[in-house]
């Protein structure tokens, strides 16, 4: 094991090791993202809502997560999964971060974890609490592995086994998710008619398996598309029109509600974290 290609990127103080999952897993996640920080400086990072759940296999110090619930303070986690959320998020850390991040589609997460994603709406859970001792053993093996390539091979084996054993989402929920992810501003009523369910039944089953009800999921996915367009240099007015906002003011209100800041500030912050050089080599 350990001969697969891994892309190593310098992100100015921390490093990214990226590898491709097994082809059978790629419908659910695009990459394995290993990371490590060279220094030990404490920090705080904003996270933005999007269309994926996040799994962190932590090989370093704990993270202190914050979610949209204004009454909840930061809580520390080791290895964890965070479900979909529809408000400002973030984490704090003491420095020296090291681990692997998996950004998994919510229905993929439902299958791979085997738990209702509604349990993780605007929340996180320790991975061993969800998956049992096998998750703790996986983290131990990842820490002991000699390279990032070997770690990614371990992840392939673990996730492929769970893929075979996990539950499949309802075809109606999967179809509704695909329609929302495609954009176009489809309404919940049209979604329900398309899949042949009542709006109430669709909302319940969708939230159970994807983590958010269809209307909230559509809002988050629209926000994610707007973030991507603005990050690529699009202007505010054009982005608002293309993503289905009523106007630029509507877009700005959504950015404050979902991201906790103005479009200009959030995009500047996001682009600042992405800067760095990249090279490809086997590790």
C-alpha atoms as a PDB file:
ATOM      1  CA  UNK A   1       0.000   0.000   0.000  1.00  0.00           C
ATOM      2  CA  UNK A   2       1.028   3.645  -0.228  1.00  0.00           C
ATOM      3  CA  UNK A   3       1.942   4.046  -3.915  1.00  0.00           C
ATOM      4  CA  UNK A   4      -1.047   6.111  -5.011  1.00  0.00           C
ATOM      5  CA  UNK A   5      -0.453   9.698  -6.239  1.00  0.00           C
ATOM      6  CA  UNK A   6      -0.944  12.419  -3.652  1.00  0.00           C
ATOM      7  CA  UNK A   7      -1.004  16.156  -4.365  1.00  0.00           C
ATOM      8  CA  UNK A   8       0.867  18.251  -1.795  1.00  0.00           C
ATOM      9  CA  UNK A   9       0.020  21.948  -1.439  1.00  0.00           C
ATOM     10  CA  UNK A  10       1.605  24.705   0.656  1.00  0.00           C
ATOM     11  CA  UNK A  11      -1.084  26.974   2.092  1.00  0.00           C
ATOM     12  CA  UNK A  12       1.152  29.439   3.894  1.00  0.00           C
ATOM     13  CA  UNK A  13       1.757  27.951   7.340  1.00  0.00           C
ATOM     14  CA  UNK A  14      -0.168  24.759   6.814  1.00  0.00           C
ATOM     15  CA  UNK A  15      -0.067  21.991   4.216  1.00  0.00           C
ATOM     16  CA  UNK A  16      -2.657  20.026   2.266  1.00  0.00           C
ATOM     17  CA  UNK A  17      -2.270  16.422   1.042  1.00  0.00           C
ATOM     18  CA  UNK A  18      -5.015  15.531  -1.435  1.00  0.00           C
ATOM     19  CA  UNK A  19      -5.810  12.131  -2.934  1.00  0.00           C
ATOM     20  CA  UNK A  20      -8.627  10.614  -4.985  1.00  0.00           C
ATOM     21  CA  UNK A  21     -10.972   8.121  -3.318  1.00  0.00           C
ATOM     22  CA  UNK A  22     -11.790   4.740  -4.834  1.00  0.00           C
ATOM     23  CA  UNK A  23     -14.050   5.162  -7.907  1.00  0.00           C
ATOM     24  CA  UNK A  24     -16.997   3.591  -6.074  1.00  0.00           C
ATOM     25  CA  UNK A  25     -16.790   6.355  -3.458  1.00  0.00           C
ATOM     26  CA  UNK A  26     -16.457   9.323  -5.825  1.00  0.00           C
ATOM     27  CA  UNK A  27     -20.202   9.920  -6.217  1.00  0.00           C
ATOM     28  CA  UNK A  28     -20.147  10.838  -2.513  1.00  0.00           C
ATOM     29  CA  UNK A  29     -16.850  12.699  -2.043  1.00  0.00           C
ATOM     30  CA  UNK A  30     -14.341  14.254  -4.430  1.00  0.00           C
ATOM     31  CA  UNK A  31     -11.138  13.901  -2.442  1.00  0.00           C
ATOM     32  CA  UNK A  32      -9.358  12.911   0.728  1.00  0.00           C
ATOM     33  CA  UNK A  33      -7.837  16.066   2.228  1.00  0.00           C
ATOM     34  CA  UNK A  34      -5.043  15.513   4.715  1.00  0.00           C
ATOM     35  CA  UNK A  35      -3.772  18.619   6.505  1.00  0.00           C
ATOM     36  CA  UNK A  36      -1.098  19.601   8.977  1.00  0.00           C
ATOM     37  CA  UNK A  37       0.043  22.881  10.458  1.00  0.00           C
ATOM     38  CA  UNK A  38       3.720  23.679  10.802  1.00  0.00           C
ATOM     39  CA  UNK A  39       3.380  26.046  13.737  1.00  0.00           C
ATOM     40  CA  UNK A  40       1.434  25.933  16.955  1.00  0.00           C
ATOM     41  CA  UNK A  41      -0.389  29.258  16.815  1.00  0.00           C
ATOM     42  CA  UNK A  42      -3.993  29.224  18.108  1.00  0.00           C
ATOM     43  CA  UNK A  43      -6.576  30.349  15.586  1.00  0.00           C
ATOM     44  CA  UNK A  44     -10.241  30.856  14.756  1.00  0.00           C
ATOM     45  CA  UNK A  45     -11.811  30.064  11.376  1.00  0.00           C
ATOM     46  CA  UNK A  46     -15.271  30.806   9.986  1.00  0.00           C
ATOM     47  CA  UNK A  47     -17.046  27.999   8.123  1.00  0.00           C
ATOM     48  CA  UNK A  48     -19.783  28.541   5.552  1.00  0.00           C
ATOM     49  CA  UNK A  49     -22.882  26.385   5.005  1.00  0.00           C
ATOM     50  CA  UNK A  50     -22.841  24.188   1.932  1.00  0.00           C
ATOM     51  CA  UNK A  51     -24.127  21.014   0.389  1.00  0.00           C
ATOM     52  CA  UNK A  52     -21.802  18.548   2.125  1.00  0.00           C
ATOM     53  CA  UNK A  53     -21.416  17.070   5.570  1.00  0.00           C
ATOM     54  CA  UNK A  54     -17.901  17.163   7.043  1.00  0.00           C
ATOM     55  CA  UNK A  55     -16.026  14.270   8.632  1.00  0.00           C
ATOM     56  CA  UNK A  56     -12.813  15.075  10.502  1.00  0.00           C
ATOM     57  CA  UNK A  57     -10.433  12.252  11.385  1.00  0.00           C
ATOM     58  CA  UNK A  58      -8.357  14.123  13.918  1.00  0.00           C
ATOM     59  CA  UNK A  59      -4.665  13.281  14.347  1.00  0.00           C
ATOM     60  CA  UNK A  60      -3.887  16.400  16.380  1.00  0.00           C
ATOM     61  CA  UNK A  61      -5.401  18.523  19.146  1.00  0.00           C
ATOM     62  CA  UNK A  62      -9.180  18.852  19.556  1.00  0.00           C
ATOM     63  CA  UNK A  63     -11.200  21.455  17.703  1.00  0.00           C
ATOM     64  CA  UNK A  64     -13.742  23.744  19.347  1.00  0.00           C
ATOM     65  CA  UNK A  65     -16.789  23.993  17.096  1.00  0.00           C
ATOM     66  CA  UNK A  66     -19.454  26.683  16.924  1.00  0.00           C
ATOM     67  CA  UNK A  67     -22.805  26.220  15.190  1.00  0.00           C
ATOM     68  CA  UNK A  68     -25.699  28.527  14.335  1.00  0.00           C
ATOM     69  CA  UNK A  69     -27.450  28.012  17.703  1.00  0.00           C
ATOM     70  CA  UNK A  70     -26.712  31.338  19.447  1.00  0.00           C
ATOM     71  CA  UNK A  71     -27.252  29.762  22.854  1.00  0.00           C
ATOM     72  CA  UNK A  72     -24.573  27.105  22.370  1.00  0.00           C
ATOM     73  CA  UNK A  73     -20.938  27.873  23.104  1.00  0.00           C
ATOM     74  CA  UNK A  74     -17.927  26.241  21.517  1.00  0.00           C
ATOM     75  CA  UNK A  75     -17.562  22.544  22.334  1.00  0.00           C
ATOM     76  CA  UNK A  76     -14.421  20.528  21.781  1.00  0.00           C
ATOM     77  CA  UNK A  77     -14.366  17.471  19.501  1.00  0.00           C
ATOM     78  CA  UNK A  78     -11.787  14.889  18.518  1.00  0.00           C
ATOM     79  CA  UNK A  79     -12.765  12.965  15.383  1.00  0.00           C
ATOM     80  CA  UNK A  80     -16.295  13.941  14.425  1.00  0.00           C
ATOM     81  CA  UNK A  81     -18.949  14.393  11.761  1.00  0.00           C
ATOM     82  CA  UNK A  82     -20.769  17.702  11.297  1.00  0.00           C
ATOM     83  CA  UNK A  83     -24.037  17.618   9.391  1.00  0.00           C
ATOM     84  CA  UNK A  84     -25.617  20.275   7.199  1.00  0.00           C
ATOM     85  CA  UNK A  85     -26.226  23.642   8.856  1.00  0.00           C
ATOM     86  CA  UNK A  86     -27.986  26.815   7.825  1.00  0.00           C
ATOM     87  CA  UNK A  87     -26.238  29.611   9.670  1.00  0.00           C
ATOM     88  CA  UNK A  88     -22.769  30.900  10.576  1.00  0.00           C
ATOM     89  CA  UNK A  89     -20.355  28.253  11.822  1.00  0.00           C
ATOM     90  CA  UNK A  90     -16.745  28.115  12.830  1.00  0.00           C
ATOM     91  CA  UNK A  91     -14.055  26.472  14.897  1.00  0.00           C
ATOM     92  CA  UNK A  92     -11.246  27.435  17.232  1.00  0.00           C
ATOM     93  CA  UNK A  93      -8.042  25.489  17.813  1.00  0.00           C
ATOM     94  CA  UNK A  94      -4.889  25.655  19.943  1.00  0.00           C
ATOM     95  CA  UNK A  95      -2.533  25.239  16.965  1.00  0.00           C
ATOM     96  CA  UNK A  96      -0.713  22.236  15.536  1.00  0.00           C
ATOM     97  CA  UNK A  97      -3.686  20.909  13.568  1.00  0.00           C
ATOM     98  CA  UNK A  98      -3.289  17.543  11.833  1.00  0.00           C
ATOM     99  CA  UNK A  99      -5.857  15.188  10.361  1.00  0.00           C
ATOM    100  CA  UNK A 100      -7.980  14.215   7.359  1.00  0.00           C
ATOM    101  CA  UNK A 101     -11.132  16.011   6.189  1.00  0.00           C
ATOM    102  CA  UNK A 102     -13.848  14.346   4.124  1.00  0.00           C
ATOM    103  CA  UNK A 103     -16.585  16.495   2.569  1.00  0.00           C
ATOM    104  CA  UNK A 104     -19.359  13.995   1.823  1.00  0.00           C
ATOM    105  CA  UNK A 105     -22.733  14.514   0.194  1.00  0.00           C
ATOM    106  CA  UNK A 106     -25.457  14.243   2.852  1.00  0.00           C
ATOM    107  CA  UNK A 107     -27.059  11.189   1.250  1.00  0.00           C
ATOM    108  CA  UNK A 108     -23.622   9.602   0.921  1.00  0.00           C
ATOM    109  CA  UNK A 109     -23.038  10.344   4.592  1.00  0.00           C
ATOM    110  CA  UNK A 110     -26.413   8.743   5.417  1.00  0.00           C
ATOM    111  CA  UNK A 111     -25.244   5.552   3.700  1.00  0.00           C
ATOM    112  CA  UNK A 112     -21.629   5.535   4.891  1.00  0.00           C
ATOM    113  CA  UNK A 113     -22.425   6.371   8.512  1.00  0.00           C
ATOM    114  CA  UNK A 114     -25.728   4.520   8.689  1.00  0.00           C
ATOM    115  CA  UNK A 115     -27.404   7.155  10.869  1.00  0.00           C
ATOM    116  CA  UNK A 116     -30.261   9.599  10.171  1.00  0.00           C
ATOM    117  CA  UNK A 117     -28.697  12.872   9.087  1.00  0.00           C
ATOM    118  CA  UNK A 118     -31.482  14.751  10.869  1.00  0.00           C
ATOM    119  CA  UNK A 119     -29.624  13.899  14.086  1.00  0.00           C
ATOM    120  CA  UNK A 120     -26.740  16.045  12.840  1.00  0.00           C
ATOM    121  CA  UNK A 121     -28.641  19.109  11.626  1.00  0.00           C
ATOM    122  CA  UNK A 122     -26.774  22.193  12.898  1.00  0.00           C
ATOM    123  CA  UNK A 123     -24.740  19.849  15.088  1.00  0.00           C
ATOM    124  CA  UNK A 124     -21.772  17.498  15.276  1.00  0.00           C
ATOM    125  CA  UNK A 125     -21.134  14.136  16.919  1.00  0.00           C
ATOM    126  CA  UNK A 126     -17.980  12.291  17.891  1.00  0.00           C
ATOM    127  CA  UNK A 127     -17.259   9.629  15.268  1.00  0.00           C
ATOM    128  CA  UNK A 128     -16.798   6.759  17.767  1.00  0.00           C
ATOM    129  CA  UNK A 129     -20.187   7.623  19.288  1.00  0.00           C
ATOM    130  CA  UNK A 130     -21.776   7.015  15.879  1.00  0.00           C
ATOM    131  CA  UNK A 131     -19.679   4.166  14.515  1.00  0.00           C
ATOM    132  CA  UNK A 132     -18.349   2.486  17.645  1.00  0.00           C
ATOM    133  CA  UNK A 133     -14.834   1.133  18.306  1.00  0.00           C
ATOM    134  CA  UNK A 134     -14.067   0.680  14.590  1.00  0.00           C
ATOM    135  CA  UNK A 135     -13.844   4.471  14.195  1.00  0.00           C
ATOM    136  CA  UNK A 136     -11.357   4.791  17.041  1.00  0.00           C
ATOM    137  CA  UNK A 137      -9.257   1.966  15.581  1.00  0.00           C
ATOM    138  CA  UNK A 138      -9.294   3.690  12.175  1.00  0.00           C
ATOM    139  CA  UNK A 139      -7.973   6.928  13.674  1.00  0.00           C
ATOM    140  CA  UNK A 140      -5.208   5.000  15.466  1.00  0.00           C
ATOM    141  CA  UNK A 141      -4.188   3.271  12.233  1.00  0.00           C
ATOM    142  CA  UNK A 142      -4.221   6.566  10.336  1.00  0.00           C
ATOM    143  CA  UNK A 143      -1.902   8.090  12.947  1.00  0.00           C
ATOM    144  CA  UNK A 144       0.501   5.144  12.650  1.00  0.00           C
ATOM    145  CA  UNK A 145       0.507   4.983   8.821  1.00  0.00           C
ATOM    146  CA  UNK A 146       3.863   5.870   7.185  1.00  0.00           C
ATOM    147  CA  UNK A 147       2.483   8.231   4.508  1.00  0.00           C
ATOM    148  CA  UNK A 148      -0.592  10.098   3.333  1.00  0.00           C
ATOM    149  CA  UNK A 149      -0.959   7.624   0.474  1.00  0.00           C
ATOM    150  CA  UNK A 150      -1.132   4.765   2.977  1.00  0.00           C
ATOM    151  CA  UNK A 151      -3.707   6.699   5.016  1.00  0.00           C
ATOM    152  CA  UNK A 152      -5.883   7.175   1.963  1.00  0.00           C
ATOM    153  CA  UNK A 153      -5.660   3.433   1.212  1.00  0.00           C
ATOM    154  CA  UNK A 154      -6.919   2.761   4.740  1.00  0.00           C
ATOM    155  CA  UNK A 155      -9.823   5.144   4.172  1.00  0.00           C
ATOM    156  CA  UNK A 156     -10.738   3.394   0.920  1.00  0.00           C
ATOM    157  CA  UNK A 157     -10.951   0.032   2.679  1.00  0.00           C
ATOM    158  CA  UNK A 158     -12.953   1.409   5.617  1.00  0.00           C
ATOM    159  CA  UNK A 159     -15.472   3.359   3.551  1.00  0.00           C
ATOM    160  CA  UNK A 160     -15.958   0.649   0.910  1.00  0.00           C
ATOM    161  CA  UNK A 161     -16.901  -1.809   3.661  1.00  0.00           C
ATOM    162  CA  UNK A 162     -19.415   0.668   5.068  1.00  0.00           C
ATOM    163  CA  UNK A 163     -20.786   1.393   1.586  1.00  0.00           C
ATOM    164  CA  UNK A 164     -21.693  -2.277   1.167  1.00  0.00           C
ATOM    165  CA  UNK A 165     -23.438  -2.457   4.555  1.00  0.00           C
ATOM    166  CA  UNK A 166     -25.072   0.984   4.761  1.00  0.00           C
ATOM    167  CA  UNK A 167     -28.697   1.954   4.048  1.00  0.00           C
ATOM    168  CA  UNK A 168     -29.676   3.414   0.692  1.00  0.00           C
ATOM    169  CA  UNK A 169     -31.658   6.672   0.686  1.00  0.00           C
ATOM    170  CA  UNK A 170     -35.206   6.629  -0.624  1.00  0.00           C
ATOM    171  CA  UNK A 171     -35.174   7.016  -4.430  1.00  0.00           C
ATOM    172  CA  UNK A 172     -37.610   9.908  -4.015  1.00  0.00           C
ATOM    173  CA  UNK A 173     -35.248  11.708  -1.634  1.00  0.00           C
ATOM    174  CA  UNK A 174     -32.278  11.084  -3.919  1.00  0.00           C
ATOM    175  CA  UNK A 175     -34.208  12.464  -6.901  1.00  0.00           C
ATOM    176  CA  UNK A 176     -35.326  15.524  -4.934  1.00  0.00           C
ATOM    177  CA  UNK A 177     -31.728  16.187  -3.856  1.00  0.00           C
ATOM    178  CA  UNK A 178     -30.493  15.972  -7.451  1.00  0.00           C
ATOM    179  CA  UNK A 179     -33.135  18.467  -8.566  1.00  0.00           C
ATOM    180  CA  UNK A 180     -32.200  20.921  -5.798  1.00  0.00           C
ATOM    181  CA  UNK A 181     -28.472  20.533  -6.416  1.00  0.00           C
ATOM    182  CA  UNK A 182     -29.010  21.248 -10.127  1.00  0.00           C
ATOM    183  CA  UNK A 183     -30.330  24.721  -9.301  1.00  0.00           C
ATOM    184  CA  UNK A 184     -33.122  26.344 -11.235  1.00  0.00           C
ATOM    185  CA  UNK A 185     -35.214  27.426  -8.264  1.00  0.00           C
ATOM    186  CA  UNK A 186     -37.629  24.480  -8.127  1.00  0.00           C
ATOM    187  CA  UNK A 187     -40.250  24.908  -5.394  1.00  0.00           C
ATOM    188  CA  UNK A 188     -41.003  22.421  -2.627  1.00  0.00           C
ATOM    189  CA  UNK A 189     -44.487  21.933  -4.092  1.00  0.00           C
ATOM    190  CA  UNK A 190     -42.967  21.093  -7.483  1.00  0.00           C
ATOM    191  CA  UNK A 191     -40.485  18.723  -5.820  1.00  0.00           C
ATOM    192  CA  UNK A 192     -43.283  16.895  -4.030  1.00  0.00           C
ATOM    193  CA  UNK A 193     -45.291  16.608  -7.231  1.00  0.00           C
ATOM    194  CA  UNK A 194     -42.224  15.344  -9.094  1.00  0.00           C
ATOM    195  CA  UNK A 195     -41.560  12.508  -6.641  1.00  0.00           C
ATOM    196  CA  UNK A 196     -45.237  11.739  -5.974  1.00  0.00           C
ATOM    197  CA  UNK A 197     -45.252  12.501  -2.240  1.00  0.00           C
ATOM    198  CA  UNK A 198     -47.094  15.049  -0.128  1.00  0.00           C
ATOM    199  CA  UNK A 199     -45.075  18.106   0.875  1.00  0.00           C
ATOM    200  CA  UNK A 200     -45.154  17.054   4.525  1.00  0.00           C
ATOM    201  CA  UNK A 201     -43.965  13.508   3.845  1.00  0.00           C
ATOM    202  CA  UNK A 202     -41.197  14.768   1.566  1.00  0.00           C
ATOM    203  CA  UNK A 203     -40.050  17.299   4.170  1.00  0.00           C
ATOM    204  CA  UNK A 204     -39.871  14.621   6.890  1.00  0.00           C
ATOM    205  CA  UNK A 205     -38.071  11.986   4.836  1.00  0.00           C
ATOM    206  CA  UNK A 206     -35.746  14.519   3.223  1.00  0.00           C
ATOM    207  CA  UNK A 207     -34.698  16.019   6.556  1.00  0.00           C
ATOM    208  CA  UNK A 208     -34.196  12.556   8.045  1.00  0.00           C
ATOM    209  CA  UNK A 209     -31.861  11.463   5.260  1.00  0.00           C
ATOM    210  CA  UNK A 210     -30.262  14.733   4.081  1.00  0.00           C
ATOM    211  CA  UNK A 211     -30.247  16.743   7.303  1.00  0.00           C
ATOM    212  CA  UNK A 212     -32.231  19.826   6.288  1.00  0.00           C
ATOM    213  CA  UNK A 213     -35.790  20.134   4.956  1.00  0.00           C
ATOM    214  CA  UNK A 214     -35.991  20.845   1.211  1.00  0.00           C
ATOM    215  CA  UNK A 215     -36.626  24.597   1.522  1.00  0.00           C
ATOM    216  CA  UNK A 216     -33.653  25.150   3.842  1.00  0.00           C
ATOM    217  CA  UNK A 217     -31.448  22.884   1.715  1.00  0.00           C
ATOM    218  CA  UNK A 218     -32.363  24.870  -1.405  1.00  0.00           C
ATOM    219  CA  UNK A 219     -31.401  28.101   0.353  1.00  0.00           C
ATOM    220  CA  UNK A 220     -28.027  26.689   1.439  1.00  0.00           C
ATOM    221  CA  UNK A 221     -27.281  25.301  -2.034  1.00  0.00           C
ATOM    222  CA  UNK A 222     -28.145  28.667  -3.615  1.00  0.00           C
ATOM    223  CA  UNK A 223     -25.807  30.380  -1.145  1.00  0.00           C
ATOM    224  CA  UNK A 224     -23.056  27.882  -1.991  1.00  0.00           C
ATOM    225  CA  UNK A 225     -23.449  28.614  -5.721  1.00  0.00           C
ATOM    226  CA  UNK A 226     -23.256  32.356  -5.046  1.00  0.00           C
ATOM    227  CA  UNK A 227     -20.091  31.918  -2.983  1.00  0.00           C
ATOM    228  CA  UNK A 228     -18.508  29.929  -5.822  1.00  0.00           C
ATOM    229  CA  UNK A 229     -19.416  32.542  -8.439  1.00  0.00           C
ATOM    230  CA  UNK A 230     -18.151  35.466  -6.382  1.00  0.00           C
ATOM    231  CA  UNK A 231     -14.951  33.578  -5.580  1.00  0.00           C
ATOM    232  CA  UNK A 232     -14.389  33.182  -9.323  1.00  0.00           C
ATOM    233  CA  UNK A 233     -14.647  36.951  -9.817  1.00  0.00           C
ATOM    234  CA  UNK A 234     -18.308  37.449 -10.743  1.00  0.00           C
ATOM    235  CA  UNK A 235     -19.947  40.728  -9.722  1.00  0.00           C
ATOM    236  CA  UNK A 236     -22.688  40.971  -7.104  1.00  0.00           C
ATOM    237  CA  UNK A 237     -25.528  41.948  -9.433  1.00  0.00           C
ATOM    238  CA  UNK A 238     -24.760  39.203 -11.953  1.00  0.00           C
ATOM    239  CA  UNK A 239     -24.408  36.609  -9.218  1.00  0.00           C
ATOM    240  CA  UNK A 240     -27.710  37.619  -7.623  1.00  0.00           C
ATOM    241  CA  UNK A 241     -29.506  37.257 -10.957  1.00  0.00           C
ATOM    242  CA  UNK A 242     -27.846  33.956 -11.913  1.00  0.00           C
ATOM    243  CA  UNK A 243     -28.510  32.342  -8.526  1.00  0.00           C
ATOM    244  CA  UNK A 244     -32.168  33.320  -8.300  1.00  0.00           C
ATOM    245  CA  UNK A 245     -32.085  36.110  -5.716  1.00  0.00           C
ATOM    246  CA  UNK A 246     -34.665  38.878  -6.109  1.00  0.00           C
ATOM    247  CA  UNK A 247     -31.902  41.476  -6.218  1.00  0.00           C
ATOM    248  CA  UNK A 248     -28.471  42.318  -4.836  1.00  0.00           C
ATOM    249  CA  UNK A 249     -29.946  43.360  -1.477  1.00  0.00           C
ATOM    250  CA  UNK A 250     -31.592  39.947  -1.141  1.00  0.00           C
ATOM    251  CA  UNK A 251     -28.246  38.256  -1.766  1.00  0.00           C
ATOM    252  CA  UNK A 252     -26.552  40.441   0.852  1.00  0.00           C
ATOM    253  CA  UNK A 253     -29.211  39.615   3.452  1.00  0.00           C
ATOM    254  CA  UNK A 254     -28.759  35.897   2.803  1.00  0.00           C
ATOM    255  CA  UNK A 255     -24.978  36.202   3.170  1.00  0.00           C
ATOM    256  CA  UNK A 256     -25.395  37.868   6.551  1.00  0.00           C
ATOM    257  CA  UNK A 257     -27.931  35.272   7.702  1.00  0.00           C
ATOM    258  CA  UNK A 258     -26.083  32.189   6.454  1.00  0.00           C
ATOM    259  CA  UNK A 259     -22.465  33.319   6.585  1.00  0.00           C
ATOM    260  CA  UNK A 260     -22.417  35.998   9.246  1.00  0.00           C
ATOM    261  CA  UNK A 261     -20.915  38.750   7.084  1.00  0.00           C
ATOM    262  CA  UNK A 262     -21.167  40.825   3.924  1.00  0.00           C
ATOM    263  CA  UNK A 263     -20.429  39.188   0.557  1.00  0.00           C
ATOM    264  CA  UNK A 264     -17.261  41.266   0.160  1.00  0.00           C
ATOM    265  CA  UNK A 265     -15.910  40.342   3.582  1.00  0.00           C
ATOM    266  CA  UNK A 266     -16.749  36.649   3.335  1.00  0.00           C
ATOM    267  CA  UNK A 267     -15.235  36.205  -0.122  1.00  0.00           C
ATOM    268  CA  UNK A 268     -12.061  38.094   0.852  1.00  0.00           C
ATOM    269  CA  UNK A 269     -11.704  35.851   3.894  1.00  0.00           C
ATOM    270  CA  UNK A 270     -12.281  32.700   1.857  1.00  0.00           C
ATOM    271  CA  UNK A 271      -9.811  33.648  -0.867  1.00  0.00           C
ATOM    272  CA  UNK A 272      -7.211  34.538   1.741  1.00  0.00           C
ATOM    273  CA  UNK A 273      -7.328  30.982   3.094  1.00  0.00           C
ATOM    274  CA  UNK A 274      -6.955  29.463  -0.376  1.00  0.00           C
ATOM    275  CA  UNK A 275      -3.742  31.205  -1.387  1.00  0.00           C
ATOM    276  CA  UNK A 276      -0.674  29.012  -1.770  1.00  0.00           C
ATOM    277  CA  UNK A 277       1.392  26.991  -4.243  1.00  0.00           C
ATOM    278  CA  UNK A 278       0.680  23.399  -5.259  1.00  0.00           C
ATOM    279  CA  UNK A 279       2.788  20.534  -6.584  1.00  0.00           C
ATOM    280  CA  UNK A 280       1.921  16.926  -7.437  1.00  0.00           C
ATOM    281  CA  UNK A 281       4.048  13.987  -6.327  1.00  0.00           C
ATOM    282  CA  UNK A 282       3.623  10.508  -4.820  1.00  0.00           C
ATOM    283  CA  UNK A 283       4.116  10.456  -1.035  1.00  0.00           C
END
